[in-house]
Structure formats: C-alpha cells, structure tokens
Amino acid sequence: MNLDTLLAQLGNRQDPVTGSVSAPVYRATTYAHPALGQSTGFDYTRTGNPTRTILERAIADLEGGARGFAFSSGMAAVHAVMQLFSPGDHLIFSNDLYGGTYRLVEKFLRKVGIEASYVDTSNLEEVQTAIQSQTRGLFVETPTNPTLKVADLQALGDLCKTHQLLYIVDNTFMTPYLQRPMQYGADIVVHSATKFLGGHNDVLAGLVVTKTEELGNDLYFIQNSIGSTLGPDDSWLLLRGMKTLALRMERHSKTASVLAQYLSGHPLIARVYYPGLELHPGYAVQKKQSSDFGGMLSFEVIHESMVPVILKQVRLITFAESLGGTETLITYPAVQTHADIPEKIREACGVTQRLLRLSVGLENAVDLQMDLENALTEAAQITSS
C-alpha cells in the first residue's frame, strides 16, 4: 500500500475482540501467564506493551525495515543505538549536528572510550578521508540541523557497504513520508518522534528502525536492559499524530517553499537555507532521494542586532524550541538547540549569531509571511535608529 494509506490506517483492526478502530491503550504493567512456561507474548510492560508494539510495527513498515522500537525520547533512542558500539570504536558524525547528539558524544561516549570525528557529510570525499582502521559507524543527519546540508544517501550507503560501517540516518526532518533512507542502504533510521511524527507538540518520544532482524535483536536487548521505553499513553498519542502525517508534511513543505522564496529575495536576509531552493547546493540530490523538501528552513539576517527584535516582534510565529508541530516556531540555535557546541565549531558549521531556524507549521502562508515582514521591518527600524 501507499504510505498515506498506511498512515491513515494506523492502529485499525488491531483489536479483534472488540473491533476497535482506534488502537486500545494498555496501561497494565504486568500480564498473566496462561500456564507455567507459557506467555501471551506480553509479560512485563518494559519488555513489551501491546500499544507500543502497534507503534513499533507501524514505524518499521513505514521505513521499510525489519523491526521498530519506541523510546521515551529522541535522545534516549540515539543513546540506545550508540550502545551497539564498544570502547575503541571510532564513529563519524555530520558536523552540522543537533546539539543534544553532540553533547551525548562529547560528554558520554568519549568517557567510555568511543572516539568521534565530525565532517561535512554532504562532501563524500571528507567522509572517505575520515575513515580509520577502527571506524565502525557513520551517523548522518540529512538535511542537517540547522543549516540543512544535504547528504547523498546512496553514495554514503555504498561507502558504508565497502568499509563495513554501520550506517545510521537521523530522518527526523523528513520523516518516512518524504524520505526513506533504508532504500539507500541505511542499517538504522532514528527519529525524534516528538517532532513531525507526533506533529502536535504534545508528546515526547523517539523511534528507531533496524534493517535486519539480527540488528533488531541486538537493539531489543539494549532497549529492554536500559528500560527507556515509551509508555502506552504516549504511544497512543504518537499513533494518533502519525495518522495525519501525509497531509501535514505536504502542507509543511508547500508553505516552507513559499517562505523560503520570500526570504531569499528580502533585502534584510543575507542567506536562506532550504533544500527546495534551486540555488541550494543539495537541491538536485534532495530532489532525487525525497518526494518533497520538508518544513524546516533557516535564514541569516544581515545584522546580529536584529535577532532579539525579530524574536520579540513576531506575533503569529512562536519563539520556542523544538519543531514539527502544527504551530510555526522560530528558534535561535546559537543559544538554544546548539548552545552545547563550542562557538568556534558552531561558527565553522554556519551556526552563527545571525542564524534563525524556522519550523513551518500549518498556518496560512500569507499570514506567516506578513508576520515575518512586520518583524523584519520593525527590526530594521530599531537597529537603524
């Protein structure tokens, strides 16, 4: 079936006893055994929960993988995946990386002897050069957060296959509705499901999909041992949010494209980062490997002094962290999402003091454009006086 059909049907026909169209929420923490040595398939909710299982099967189907796993947050999901590696292993990461992932690597993984390099994963030669004899994995964000660099998923997949690297892709920005990394060789796909998959800024969750059953067994052992699983109520909320993912991603993408075009021609904007712009260096690659360009964009204003004025003057757009909800959010990465990354490293990756990130919601594009125009006009007047 097509993905929009799969999404609309999530949770349906999962309860043969009652025929409930909406998946039931199973809050039980423990389950009775029919007899000694027998199980219904559910024993203890950390090990398996019926509501969570429906969600995990759904994300596996959507990404085209063998097994899915639901975690208590996106960072819990990334942390669990990192447990697949051992002291002495070397990993390669996108250099334009979410600050929370960077913090996990620098403050936790290095403590246990796992080494890391950060490269521009949109540059295949840089990735190739970074590979060492002890390199065991490649972790890619594409498009990256927040400067939306685009990595060639197929080229990186071929490279990982040649060097026998575990290929991990964070697909949070695009979701499986727009981009399916396993079609291009990814072994593991990670989501901060709090974002576009949940879609309503009301649930904290992380999802992981493994390409093979064998890799899934390894990750299941980690998930069950650590215990950072998603609860049944949050699993249900996430399932409900995902039902409208197709419609939302189409609207997010359409409106983001309109705003990117508007900002790219604005005299107060120095640069716009959006892979749907034909001048974006990753435009051709993104067009090849995804069905649309997503709802995230970033832009640089011409003067740093404009930033606090814009953040104060927007009325419809909300100054808040996170992304992927129905409401349009504006974020200042240098002091919010990427504050844990040292300034020199941030600046080198393009996360400057002039950069703002926009998570485009479901509002009317004209209203959003007017809100930005009013805020930019006010910023120009204040900073010039």
Protein backbone atom coordinates (compact mmCIF):
# COMPACT_ATOMS: atom_id res chain seq x y z
CA MET A 1 0.00 0.00 0.00
CA ASN A 2 0.98 3.61 -0.43
CA LEU A 3 2.37 5.37 2.63
CA ASP A 4 -0.58 7.75 3.00
CA THR A 5 -2.91 4.73 3.17
CA LEU A 6 -0.70 3.00 5.75
CA LEU A 7 -0.64 6.17 7.84
CA ALA A 8 -4.39 6.68 7.75
CA GLN A 9 -4.94 3.07 8.87
CA LEU A 10 -2.51 3.05 11.81
CA GLY A 11 -3.96 1.14 14.75
CA ASN A 12 -7.03 -0.05 12.89
CA ARG A 13 -8.02 -3.75 13.12
CA GLN A 14 -5.57 -4.34 15.96
CA ASP A 15 -8.17 -5.50 18.49
CA PRO A 16 -10.09 -8.50 17.12
CA VAL A 17 -12.08 -8.89 20.35
CA THR A 18 -13.90 -5.55 20.13
CA GLY A 19 -13.10 -4.40 16.58
CA SER A 20 -11.92 -1.03 17.93
CA VAL A 21 -10.85 1.24 15.07
CA SER A 22 -8.60 3.22 17.40
CA ALA A 23 -5.84 1.15 18.98
CA PRO A 24 -6.54 0.44 22.67
CA VAL A 25 -4.30 1.88 25.39
CA TYR A 26 -2.94 -0.94 27.55
CA ARG A 27 -1.81 0.57 30.85
CA ALA A 28 -1.13 -2.76 32.55
CA THR A 29 2.43 -3.21 33.78
CA THR A 30 2.21 -6.99 34.05
CA TYR A 31 0.32 -9.79 32.26
CA ALA A 32 -0.95 -13.17 33.44
CA HIS A 33 0.69 -16.34 32.18
CA PRO A 34 -1.75 -18.95 30.80
CA ALA A 35 0.34 -21.67 32.44
CA LEU A 36 3.88 -22.41 33.57
CA GLY A 37 6.25 -21.79 30.68
CA GLN A 38 3.55 -20.11 28.59
CA SER A 39 3.07 -16.47 27.63
CA THR A 40 0.56 -14.40 25.73
CA GLY A 41 3.53 -12.61 24.18
CA PHE A 42 3.38 -9.95 26.87
CA ASP A 43 4.84 -10.44 30.34
CA TYR A 44 6.05 -7.07 31.65
CA THR A 45 5.46 -3.69 30.04
CA ARG A 46 9.15 -2.69 29.82
CA THR A 47 9.74 -5.84 27.80
CA GLY A 48 6.66 -5.41 25.64
CA ASN A 49 3.41 -3.45 25.67
CA PRO A 50 0.54 -4.06 23.21
CA THR A 51 0.03 -0.37 22.42
CA ARG A 52 3.75 0.24 21.97
CA THR A 53 4.02 -2.87 19.80
CA ILE A 54 1.45 -1.47 17.35
CA LEU A 55 3.50 1.72 17.08
CA GLU A 56 6.78 -0.15 16.67
CA ARG A 57 5.40 -2.33 13.89
CA ALA A 58 3.99 0.76 12.20
CA ILE A 59 7.28 2.67 12.05
CA ALA A 60 9.09 -0.43 10.80
CA ASP A 61 6.57 -0.77 7.96
CA LEU A 62 6.77 2.94 7.12
CA GLU A 63 10.57 2.95 6.93
CA GLY A 64 10.78 -0.41 5.18
CA GLY A 65 12.73 -2.08 7.99
CA ALA A 66 12.53 -5.35 9.91
CA ARG A 67 11.91 -4.06 13.44
CA GLY A 68 10.88 -0.85 15.14
CA PHE A 69 11.47 0.42 18.66
CA ALA A 70 9.81 3.20 20.64
CA PHE A 71 11.80 5.11 23.25
CA SER A 72 10.98 7.73 25.87
CA SER A 73 12.69 10.48 23.82
CA GLY A 74 14.71 11.06 20.69
CA MET A 75 17.90 11.26 22.74
CA ALA A 76 17.05 8.00 24.51
CA ALA A 77 16.76 6.44 21.05
CA VAL A 78 20.14 7.80 19.93
CA HIS A 79 21.74 6.71 23.21
CA ALA A 80 20.44 3.16 22.76
CA VAL A 81 21.82 2.98 19.22
CA MET A 82 25.21 4.16 20.47
CA GLN A 83 25.28 1.17 22.85
CA LEU A 84 25.83 -1.03 19.79
CA PHE A 85 29.44 0.21 19.76
CA SER A 86 32.36 -0.69 22.04
CA PRO A 87 35.34 1.09 23.60
CA GLY A 88 37.98 1.68 20.95
CA ASP A 89 35.45 2.12 18.15
CA HIS A 90 35.55 5.27 16.04
CA LEU A 91 32.41 6.91 14.65
CA ILE A 92 31.87 9.61 12.05
CA PHE A 93 29.12 12.21 12.53
CA SER A 94 27.69 15.05 10.48
CA ASN A 95 29.44 18.21 11.66
CA ASP A 96 26.25 20.27 11.49
CA LEU A 97 24.62 18.17 14.17
CA TYR A 98 21.83 18.64 16.71
CA GLY A 99 23.42 19.92 19.91
CA GLY A 100 21.94 17.15 22.05
CA THR A 101 23.60 14.46 19.94
CA TYR A 102 26.90 16.36 20.08
CA ARG A 103 26.60 16.58 23.88
CA LEU A 104 25.95 12.84 24.12
CA VAL A 105 29.06 12.08 22.07
CA GLU A 106 31.38 14.51 23.82
CA LYS A 107 30.21 14.09 27.41
CA PHE A 108 29.30 10.40 27.49
CA LEU A 109 30.68 8.34 24.61
CA ARG A 110 34.21 9.66 24.90
CA LYS A 111 34.19 8.74 28.61
CA VAL A 112 33.73 5.09 27.69
CA GLY A 113 36.42 5.12 25.02
CA ILE A 114 34.41 5.70 21.86
CA GLU A 115 36.09 8.20 19.54
CA ALA A 116 34.34 10.52 17.10
CA SER A 117 35.08 12.73 14.11
CA TYR A 118 32.78 15.40 12.68
CA VAL A 119 32.76 16.03 8.94
CA ASP A 120 30.63 17.66 6.27
CA THR A 121 28.63 14.59 5.26
CA SER A 122 27.41 16.40 2.14
CA ASN A 123 31.03 16.01 0.94
CA LEU A 124 31.70 12.36 0.13
CA GLU A 125 35.45 12.92 -0.05
CA GLU A 126 35.52 14.30 3.52
CA VAL A 127 33.69 11.24 4.79
CA GLN A 128 36.06 8.93 2.93
CA THR A 129 39.10 10.72 4.36
CA ALA A 130 37.75 10.46 7.92
CA ILE A 131 37.50 6.65 7.82
CA GLN A 132 40.10 4.98 10.05
CA SER A 133 41.01 1.35 10.68
CA GLN A 134 38.84 1.38 13.84
CA THR A 135 35.88 3.22 12.29
CA ARG A 136 32.70 1.22 12.87
CA GLY A 137 29.85 3.57 12.06
CA LEU A 138 28.56 6.65 10.25
CA PHE A 139 25.81 8.81 11.77
CA VAL A 140 24.20 11.19 9.30
CA GLU A 141 21.62 13.94 9.62
CA THR A 142 20.19 14.92 6.26
CA PRO A 143 19.09 17.59 5.86
CA THR A 144 21.21 18.69 8.80
CA ASN A 145 20.08 20.71 11.78
CA PRO A 146 20.08 23.71 11.41
CA THR A 147 21.86 24.62 8.14
CA LEU A 148 20.09 21.92 6.09
CA LYS A 149 23.09 20.45 4.32
CA VAL A 150 22.09 17.51 2.15
CA ALA A 151 23.99 14.22 2.16
CA ASP A 152 23.80 11.82 -0.76
CA LEU A 153 22.22 8.82 0.96
CA GLN A 154 23.02 6.37 -1.83
CA ALA A 155 26.66 7.41 -2.14
CA LEU A 156 27.16 7.16 1.61
CA GLY A 157 25.36 3.82 1.66
CA ASP A 158 27.76 2.45 -0.95
CA LEU A 159 30.71 3.80 1.03
CA CYS A 160 29.49 2.20 4.25
CA LYS A 161 28.99 -1.12 2.50
CA THR A 162 32.52 -1.03 1.10
CA HIS A 163 34.06 -0.29 4.51
CA GLN A 164 31.58 -2.41 6.51
CA LEU A 165 30.33 0.52 8.57
CA LEU A 166 27.04 0.62 10.44
CA TYR A 167 25.07 3.28 8.57
CA ILE A 168 22.76 5.32 10.81
CA VAL A 169 20.49 8.09 9.48
CA ASP A 170 18.55 10.60 11.54
CA ASN A 171 15.39 11.07 9.48
CA THR A 172 13.63 13.46 11.88
CA PHE A 173 13.35 16.41 9.48
CA MET A 174 11.97 14.47 6.52
CA THR A 175 10.03 11.54 8.05
CA PRO A 176 9.43 8.32 6.07
CA TYR A 177 6.65 10.04 4.15
CA LEU A 178 9.19 12.18 2.29
CA GLN A 179 12.42 10.18 2.57
CA ARG A 180 13.21 6.52 3.28
CA PRO A 181 16.93 6.07 3.98
CA MET A 182 16.80 2.27 4.01
CA GLN A 183 16.15 2.37 0.27
CA TYR A 184 19.67 3.78 0.00
CA GLY A 185 21.46 1.35 2.29
CA ALA A 186 20.85 2.66 5.82
CA ASP A 187 21.10 -0.01 8.52
CA ILE A 188 19.36 2.06 11.21
CA VAL A 189 16.96 5.00 11.00
CA VAL A 190 16.45 7.25 14.03
CA HIS A 191 13.64 9.74 14.73
CA SER A 192 12.94 12.30 17.36
CA ALA A 193 9.27 11.40 17.11
CA THR A 194 8.48 14.41 19.28
CA LYS A 195 8.76 16.43 16.08
CA PHE A 196 6.93 15.85 12.77
CA LEU A 197 5.81 12.29 13.53
CA GLY A 198 3.93 13.37 16.66
CA GLY A 199 3.12 16.63 14.95
CA HIS A 200 1.27 18.42 17.74
CA ASN A 201 3.90 19.43 20.32
CA ASP A 202 2.24 17.23 22.92
CA VAL A 203 4.29 14.03 23.16
CA LEU A 204 7.97 13.25 23.86
CA ALA A 205 9.19 10.16 22.01
CA GLY A 206 11.95 8.57 19.97
CA LEU A 207 11.76 5.84 17.33
CA VAL A 208 14.37 3.54 15.81
CA VAL A 209 14.08 1.12 12.89
CA THR A 210 16.58 -1.61 12.07
CA LYS A 211 17.02 -3.02 8.61
CA THR A 212 17.55 -6.62 9.75
CA GLU A 213 16.12 -8.89 12.41
CA GLU A 214 19.62 -9.63 13.69
CA LEU A 215 20.35 -5.96 14.31
CA GLY A 216 16.87 -5.62 15.78
CA ASN A 217 17.59 -8.39 18.27
CA ASP A 218 20.73 -6.58 19.42
CA LEU A 219 18.85 -3.31 19.85
CA TYR A 220 15.94 -5.01 21.62
CA PHE A 221 18.34 -6.43 24.19
CA ILE A 222 19.66 -2.90 24.81
CA GLN A 223 16.17 -1.36 24.98
CA ASN A 224 14.90 -3.96 27.41
CA SER A 225 18.04 -3.77 29.55
CA ILE A 226 18.14 0.03 29.77
CA GLY A 227 14.38 0.38 30.07
CA SER A 228 13.98 3.71 28.30
CA THR A 229 10.75 2.62 26.62
CA LEU A 230 7.77 4.73 25.60
CA GLY A 231 4.68 4.47 27.80
CA PRO A 232 1.32 3.30 26.43
CA ASP A 233 -0.43 6.68 26.58
CA ASP A 234 2.40 8.41 24.72
CA SER A 235 2.50 5.53 22.22
CA TRP A 236 -1.20 6.10 21.53
CA LEU A 237 -0.73 9.86 21.15
CA LEU A 238 2.07 9.25 18.67
CA LEU A 239 -0.04 6.81 16.66
CA ARG A 240 -2.83 9.36 16.54
CA GLY A 241 -0.49 12.10 15.39
CA MET A 242 1.05 9.93 12.67
CA LYS A 243 -2.34 9.26 11.09
CA THR A 244 -2.27 12.77 9.56
CA LEU A 245 1.46 12.80 8.72
CA ALA A 246 0.93 12.69 4.96
CA LEU A 247 -1.38 15.70 4.91
CA ARG A 248 0.78 17.64 7.34
CA MET A 249 4.09 17.05 5.55
CA GLU A 250 2.57 18.15 2.25
CA ARG A 251 1.34 21.39 3.87
CA HIS A 252 4.58 21.95 5.80
CA SER A 253 6.59 21.55 2.61
CA LYS A 254 4.35 23.76 0.48
CA THR A 255 4.35 26.64 2.95
CA ALA A 256 8.07 26.34 3.70
CA SER A 257 8.79 26.67 0.00
CA VAL A 258 6.73 29.86 -0.19
CA LEU A 259 8.50 31.37 2.81
CA ALA A 260 11.94 30.34 1.56
CA GLN A 261 11.28 32.07 -1.75
CA TYR A 262 10.06 35.19 0.05
CA LEU A 263 13.04 35.35 2.43
CA SER A 264 15.59 34.67 -0.31
CA GLY A 265 14.54 37.89 -2.03
CA HIS A 266 14.38 40.03 1.10
CA PRO A 267 16.99 42.81 1.45
CA LEU A 268 17.39 42.18 5.20
CA ILE A 269 18.21 38.50 4.74
CA ALA A 270 21.79 37.53 3.95
CA ARG A 271 21.19 33.84 3.26
CA VAL A 272 18.41 31.25 3.26
CA TYR A 273 18.99 27.57 3.93
CA TYR A 274 16.28 25.44 2.32
CA PRO A 275 16.97 22.43 0.06
CA GLY A 276 13.89 23.23 -2.03
CA LEU A 277 15.57 26.34 -3.44
CA GLU A 278 17.22 25.56 -6.76
CA LEU A 279 20.32 27.50 -5.73
CA HIS A 280 20.79 25.28 -2.68
CA PRO A 281 23.90 23.11 -3.30
CA GLY A 282 21.98 19.98 -2.28
CA TYR A 283 18.86 20.66 -4.34
CA ALA A 284 19.48 18.02 -7.01
CA VAL A 285 20.41 15.33 -4.50
CA GLN A 286 17.42 16.06 -2.28
CA LYS A 287 15.07 16.03 -5.24
CA LYS A 288 16.45 12.62 -6.22
CA GLN A 289 16.14 10.96 -2.81
CA SER A 290 12.95 12.53 -1.40
CA SER A 291 9.46 13.31 -2.61
CA ASP A 292 9.49 16.89 -1.26
CA PHE A 293 11.72 19.26 0.69
CA GLY A 294 10.17 19.38 4.15
CA GLY A 295 9.03 22.06 6.55
CA MET A 296 12.33 23.27 8.00
CA LEU A 297 14.33 26.29 6.89
CA SER A 298 16.92 28.61 8.38
CA PHE A 299 17.99 32.10 7.47
CA GLU A 300 20.67 34.66 8.36
CA VAL A 301 19.77 38.28 8.93
CA ILE A 302 22.22 40.97 7.83
CA HIS A 303 22.91 42.23 11.38
CA GLU A 304 23.13 40.27 14.62
CA SER A 305 21.37 43.13 16.44
CA MET A 306 18.19 42.30 14.50
CA VAL A 307 17.80 38.87 16.11
CA PRO A 308 16.35 39.86 19.53
CA VAL A 309 13.99 42.34 17.88
CA ILE A 310 12.64 39.74 15.45
CA LEU A 311 12.14 37.23 18.26
CA LYS A 312 10.22 39.81 20.25
CA GLN A 313 8.18 41.24 17.39
CA VAL A 314 6.78 38.07 15.80
CA ARG A 315 3.14 37.73 16.78
CA LEU A 316 1.84 34.66 14.95
CA ILE A 317 5.12 32.75 14.99
CA THR A 318 6.14 31.47 18.43
CA PHE A 319 9.67 31.88 19.78
CA ALA A 320 10.21 28.38 21.18
CA GLU A 321 12.43 25.35 20.91
CA SER A 322 11.52 22.13 19.12
CA LEU A 323 9.94 21.72 15.70
CA GLY A 324 7.45 19.78 13.62
CA GLY A 325 4.19 20.85 15.23
CA THR A 326 1.10 22.46 13.76
CA GLU A 327 2.30 25.84 15.05
CA THR A 328 5.16 27.69 13.35
CA LEU A 329 8.14 28.05 15.70
CA ILE A 330 11.23 30.22 15.43
CA THR A 331 14.44 29.22 17.20
CA TYR A 332 17.82 30.84 17.79
CA PRO A 333 20.17 27.82 17.50
CA ALA A 334 23.33 29.51 18.81
CA VAL A 335 21.80 29.97 22.27
CA GLN A 336 19.15 27.24 22.26
CA THR A 337 19.42 23.93 20.39
CA HIS A 338 23.18 24.21 19.71
CA ALA A 339 24.38 26.01 22.83
CA ASP A 340 26.40 22.97 23.97
CA ILE A 341 28.56 23.12 20.86
CA PRO A 342 31.64 25.38 21.29
CA GLU A 343 31.28 28.71 19.50
CA LYS A 344 34.22 28.19 17.12
CA ILE A 345 32.80 24.84 16.00
CA ARG A 346 29.30 26.30 15.65
CA GLU A 347 30.54 29.21 13.58
CA ALA A 348 32.58 26.94 11.31
CA CYS A 349 29.44 24.91 10.57
CA GLY A 350 27.39 28.02 9.79
CA VAL A 351 25.54 28.24 13.11
CA THR A 352 26.28 31.92 13.52
CA GLN A 353 24.88 34.58 15.84
CA ARG A 354 22.80 35.80 12.89
CA LEU A 355 21.11 32.47 12.16
CA LEU A 356 17.44 31.79 12.91
CA ARG A 357 15.64 28.49 12.33
CA LEU A 358 12.01 28.24 11.29
CA SER A 359 9.80 25.20 11.77
CA VAL A 360 6.95 25.96 9.39
CA GLY A 361 3.55 24.93 10.72
CA LEU A 362 0.13 24.58 9.14
CA GLU A 363 -0.95 28.23 9.17
CA ASN A 364 -1.77 30.16 6.01
CA ALA A 365 1.41 31.10 4.15
CA VAL A 366 0.26 34.70 3.63
CA ASP A 367 -0.27 35.20 7.36
CA LEU A 368 3.16 33.80 8.17
CA GLN A 369 4.81 35.94 5.52
CA MET A 370 3.13 39.07 6.89
CA ASP A 371 4.27 38.21 10.41
CA LEU A 372 7.87 37.86 9.24
CA GLU A 373 7.66 41.05 7.18
CA ASN A 374 6.36 43.07 10.12
CA ALA A 375 9.05 41.71 12.43
CA LEU A 376 11.82 42.36 9.90
CA THR A 377 10.57 45.87 9.26
CA GLU A 378 10.48 46.62 12.97
CA ALA A 379 13.97 45.16 13.41
CA ALA A 380 15.33 47.33 10.63
CA GLN A 381 13.80 50.47 12.12
CA ILE A 382 15.05 49.78 15.63
CA THR A 383 18.57 48.77 14.66
CA SER A 384 19.00 51.71 12.28
CA SER A 385 17.89 54.33 14.84
